[in-house]
Amino acid sequence: MALRTIITPPDPRLRLVCAPVERVDDSIRALMDDMLETMYDAPGIGLAAIQIAVQKRVIVLDVAKRQDDAASAAPICLANPEILWASDELSVYEEGCLSIPEFYEDVQRPARVRVGYLDREGRRQEIEADDILATCLQHEIDHLNGVLFIDHISRLKRDRIFKKFSKAARHEGSDRKLSVGRERARADAEA
């Protein structure tokens, strides 16, 4: 297992539609393991492969896990998840996202869903979910379709969030250029 880097806006890969998994093999299981380790380390309750820059229809989640209680862990790994049914009844949960750190907003989604998927062994499964599990499944499946939770909030709030991330990316880029420039100047001085 290995920790992976979680990408954030304005990285355009977050808007990509992910490719289906042809079959669940050792490489997909290794990806799922890396995703779980990355999710727990972040810490979070769900992660889509695209959030670590892998354009595959794979998600992992664990809504039972508590940071200091490994015994309560109940990870679920899903390849090619798809919502088969969603209730007309809606619920609202405050959502956050590992790709959009430090932002939380109320999002309204169907209260219950049934999701079909392939498990770690490649067997077809279905899961019916409500409460936070239903929300988490919908949130992560959205990622596979290039949709972020902030797409479900007002345009004004969404624009504010993107501006903050774009500004931070520009600042990080200029810091990186400064650092490279300093390294070049130091190398030139030593030569």
Protein backbone atom coordinates (compact mmCIF):
# COMPACT_ATOMS: atom_id res chain seq x y z
CA MET A 1 0.00 0.00 0.00
CA ALA A 2 1.09 3.55 -0.66
CA LEU A 3 -0.15 7.01 0.13
CA ARG A 4 -1.17 8.92 -2.99
CA THR A 5 -1.43 12.65 -3.57
CA ILE A 6 -4.98 14.02 -3.59
CA ILE A 7 -5.51 16.55 -6.37
CA THR A 8 -7.41 19.82 -5.84
CA PRO A 9 -8.88 22.53 -8.06
CA PRO A 10 -8.00 24.02 -10.45
CA ASP A 11 -6.63 20.62 -11.60
CA PRO A 12 -8.77 19.85 -14.69
CA ARG A 13 -8.60 16.08 -14.07
CA LEU A 14 -11.27 16.50 -11.38
CA ARG A 15 -13.74 17.20 -14.21
CA LEU A 16 -12.92 14.07 -16.22
CA VAL A 17 -15.41 11.23 -16.68
CA CYS A 18 -13.72 8.05 -15.52
CA ALA A 19 -13.27 4.93 -17.64
CA PRO A 20 -14.95 1.68 -16.60
CA VAL A 21 -12.86 -1.05 -15.01
CA GLU A 22 -12.62 -3.93 -17.49
CA ARG A 23 -12.01 -6.49 -14.75
CA VAL A 24 -11.09 -6.42 -11.09
CA ASP A 25 -7.56 -7.81 -10.92
CA ASP A 26 -4.53 -7.40 -8.66
CA SER A 27 -3.78 -3.92 -10.05
CA ILE A 28 -7.31 -2.71 -9.22
CA ARG A 29 -7.14 -4.28 -5.75
CA ALA A 30 -3.77 -2.56 -5.19
CA LEU A 31 -5.36 0.72 -6.31
CA MET A 32 -8.23 0.16 -3.84
CA ASP A 33 -5.71 -0.51 -1.04
CA ASP A 34 -3.77 2.66 -1.86
CA MET A 35 -7.01 4.62 -1.95
CA LEU A 36 -8.08 3.30 1.46
CA GLU A 37 -4.71 4.18 2.98
CA THR A 38 -4.85 7.67 1.43
CA MET A 39 -8.46 8.20 2.57
CA TYR A 40 -7.74 7.12 6.16
CA ASP A 41 -4.60 9.26 6.30
CA ALA A 42 -6.39 12.40 5.03
CA PRO A 43 -8.69 11.61 7.05
CA GLY A 44 -11.89 11.13 5.11
CA ILE A 45 -14.83 8.77 4.67
CA GLY A 46 -14.75 8.39 0.88
CA LEU A 47 -12.38 8.70 -2.07
CA ALA A 48 -12.74 8.31 -5.83
CA ALA A 49 -9.80 7.18 -7.98
CA ILE A 50 -9.87 10.41 -9.99
CA GLN A 51 -9.05 12.29 -6.77
CA ILE A 52 -5.63 10.65 -6.90
CA ALA A 53 -5.41 11.29 -10.66
CA VAL A 54 -6.41 7.76 -11.73
CA GLN A 55 -9.18 7.91 -14.34
CA LYS A 56 -10.89 4.64 -13.36
CA ARG A 57 -14.40 4.04 -12.04
CA VAL A 58 -13.29 3.00 -8.56
CA ILE A 59 -14.39 4.37 -5.19
CA VAL A 60 -13.69 3.42 -1.59
CA LEU A 61 -15.53 4.50 1.51
CA ASP A 62 -15.82 3.84 5.20
CA VAL A 63 -18.51 5.76 7.03
CA ALA A 64 -18.04 3.63 10.19
CA LYS A 65 -14.34 4.42 10.62
CA ARG A 66 -13.33 6.69 13.46
CA GLN A 67 -9.82 8.07 13.40
CA ASP A 68 -8.58 6.40 16.59
CA ASP A 69 -10.71 3.27 16.50
CA ALA A 70 -9.38 0.75 13.95
CA ALA A 71 -11.83 -1.86 15.24
CA SER A 72 -14.77 0.13 13.87
CA ALA A 73 -13.38 0.21 10.31
CA ALA A 74 -15.80 -1.15 7.70
CA PRO A 75 -14.28 -0.29 4.30
CA ILE A 76 -16.28 -0.79 1.12
CA CYS A 77 -14.48 -0.96 -2.25
CA LEU A 78 -16.53 -0.53 -5.42
CA ALA A 79 -15.57 -0.81 -9.08
CA ASN A 80 -17.95 0.53 -11.73
CA PRO A 81 -20.53 1.73 -9.19
CA GLU A 82 -23.81 2.93 -10.61
CA ILE A 83 -26.97 4.22 -9.00
CA LEU A 84 -29.75 1.81 -9.91
CA TRP A 85 -32.48 3.55 -7.95
CA ALA A 86 -32.85 6.73 -5.90
CA SER A 87 -35.72 7.72 -3.62
CA ASP A 88 -37.92 10.72 -4.29
CA GLU A 89 -37.46 11.63 -0.64
CA LEU A 90 -34.52 13.99 -0.14
CA SER A 91 -32.14 14.59 2.74
CA VAL A 92 -29.57 17.27 3.49
CA TYR A 93 -26.09 16.61 4.85
CA GLU A 94 -23.17 18.92 5.34
CA GLU A 95 -20.62 17.67 2.83
CA GLY A 96 -16.91 18.21 2.51
CA CYS A 97 -14.36 16.78 0.11
CA LEU A 98 -10.74 15.72 0.36
CA SER A 99 -10.15 17.48 -2.98
CA ILE A 100 -11.69 20.69 -1.67
CA PRO A 101 -10.25 20.87 1.84
CA GLU A 102 -11.68 23.18 4.49
CA PHE A 103 -14.98 23.81 2.69
CA TYR A 104 -18.26 22.36 3.93
CA GLU A 105 -21.75 23.05 2.62
CA ASP A 106 -25.22 21.58 2.98
CA VAL A 107 -26.13 19.49 -0.06
CA GLN A 108 -29.53 18.01 -0.83
CA ARG A 109 -29.58 14.53 -2.37
CA PRO A 110 -31.92 11.52 -2.51
CA ALA A 111 -32.27 10.06 0.99
CA ARG A 112 -31.91 6.43 -0.17
CA VAL A 113 -30.17 4.74 -3.08
CA ARG A 114 -29.47 1.29 -4.46
CA VAL A 115 -26.05 0.96 -6.08
CA GLY A 116 -24.75 -1.85 -8.27
CA TYR A 117 -20.99 -2.49 -8.43
CA LEU A 118 -18.17 -5.02 -8.67
CA ASP A 119 -16.55 -5.97 -5.36
CA ARG A 120 -12.84 -6.67 -4.71
CA GLU A 121 -13.24 -10.12 -6.24
CA GLY A 122 -15.04 -8.86 -9.35
CA ARG A 123 -18.42 -10.22 -8.26
CA ARG A 124 -21.55 -8.21 -9.08
CA GLN A 125 -23.10 -6.81 -5.89
CA GLU A 126 -25.83 -4.38 -4.89
CA ILE A 127 -26.06 -2.25 -1.79
CA GLU A 128 -29.03 -0.31 -0.47
CA ALA A 129 -28.11 2.71 1.57
CA ASP A 130 -29.62 5.59 3.48
CA ASP A 131 -28.33 8.37 5.73
CA ILE A 132 -24.64 9.24 5.44
CA LEU A 133 -23.80 6.09 3.44
CA ALA A 134 -26.27 7.11 0.70
CA THR A 135 -24.83 10.61 0.64
CA CYS A 136 -21.25 9.33 0.51
CA LEU A 137 -22.01 6.90 -2.33
CA GLN A 138 -23.66 9.66 -4.37
CA HIS A 139 -20.82 12.10 -3.64
CA GLU A 140 -18.12 9.62 -4.76
CA ILE A 141 -20.06 8.44 -7.83
CA ASP A 142 -20.41 12.11 -8.80
CA HIS A 143 -16.59 12.34 -8.82
CA LEU A 144 -16.46 9.53 -11.38
CA ASN A 145 -18.62 11.68 -13.65
CA GLY A 146 -16.58 14.87 -13.22
CA VAL A 147 -19.05 16.39 -10.74
CA LEU A 148 -17.95 17.99 -7.46
CA PHE A 149 -20.15 18.50 -4.42
CA ILE A 150 -19.85 22.26 -4.88
CA ASP A 151 -21.73 21.86 -8.18
CA HIS A 152 -24.79 21.29 -5.98
CA ILE A 153 -24.47 24.65 -4.19
CA SER A 154 -25.06 28.23 -5.31
CA ARG A 155 -22.95 29.62 -8.13
CA LEU A 156 -21.75 32.47 -5.92
CA LYS A 157 -20.37 30.11 -3.26
CA ARG A 158 -18.88 27.82 -5.90
CA ASP A 159 -17.15 30.72 -7.68
CA ARG A 160 -15.69 31.93 -4.38
CA ILE A 161 -14.23 28.49 -3.68
CA PHE A 162 -12.70 28.19 -7.16
CA LYS A 163 -11.18 31.68 -6.90
CA LYS A 164 -9.51 30.72 -3.64
CA PHE A 165 -8.03 27.54 -5.13
CA SER A 166 -6.93 29.33 -8.33
CA LYS A 167 -5.23 32.04 -6.29
CA ALA A 168 -3.48 29.43 -4.13
CA ALA A 169 -2.32 27.55 -7.25
CA ARG A 170 -0.92 30.75 -8.79
CA HIS A 171 0.84 31.58 -5.52
CA GLU A 172 2.26 28.05 -5.29
CA GLY A 173 3.45 28.29 -8.91
CA SER A 174 5.26 31.57 -8.26
CA ASP A 175 6.84 30.13 -5.10
CA ARG A 176 8.04 27.15 -7.14
CA LYS A 177 9.53 29.47 -9.82
CA LEU A 178 11.28 31.49 -7.09
CA SER A 179 12.73 28.33 -5.57
CA VAL A 180 13.99 27.08 -8.96
CA GLY A 181 15.48 30.52 -9.68
CA ARG A 182 17.31 30.50 -6.35
CA GLU A 183 18.65 27.01 -7.02
CA ARG A 184 19.92 28.09 -10.47
CA ALA A 185 21.53 31.22 -9.04
CA ARG A 186 23.24 29.15 -6.32
CA ALA A 187 24.48 26.62 -8.92
CA ASP A 188 25.77 29.46 -11.15
CA ALA A 189 27.57 31.06 -8.19
CA GLU A 190 29.24 27.77 -7.29
CA ALA A 191 30.39 27.16 -10.89
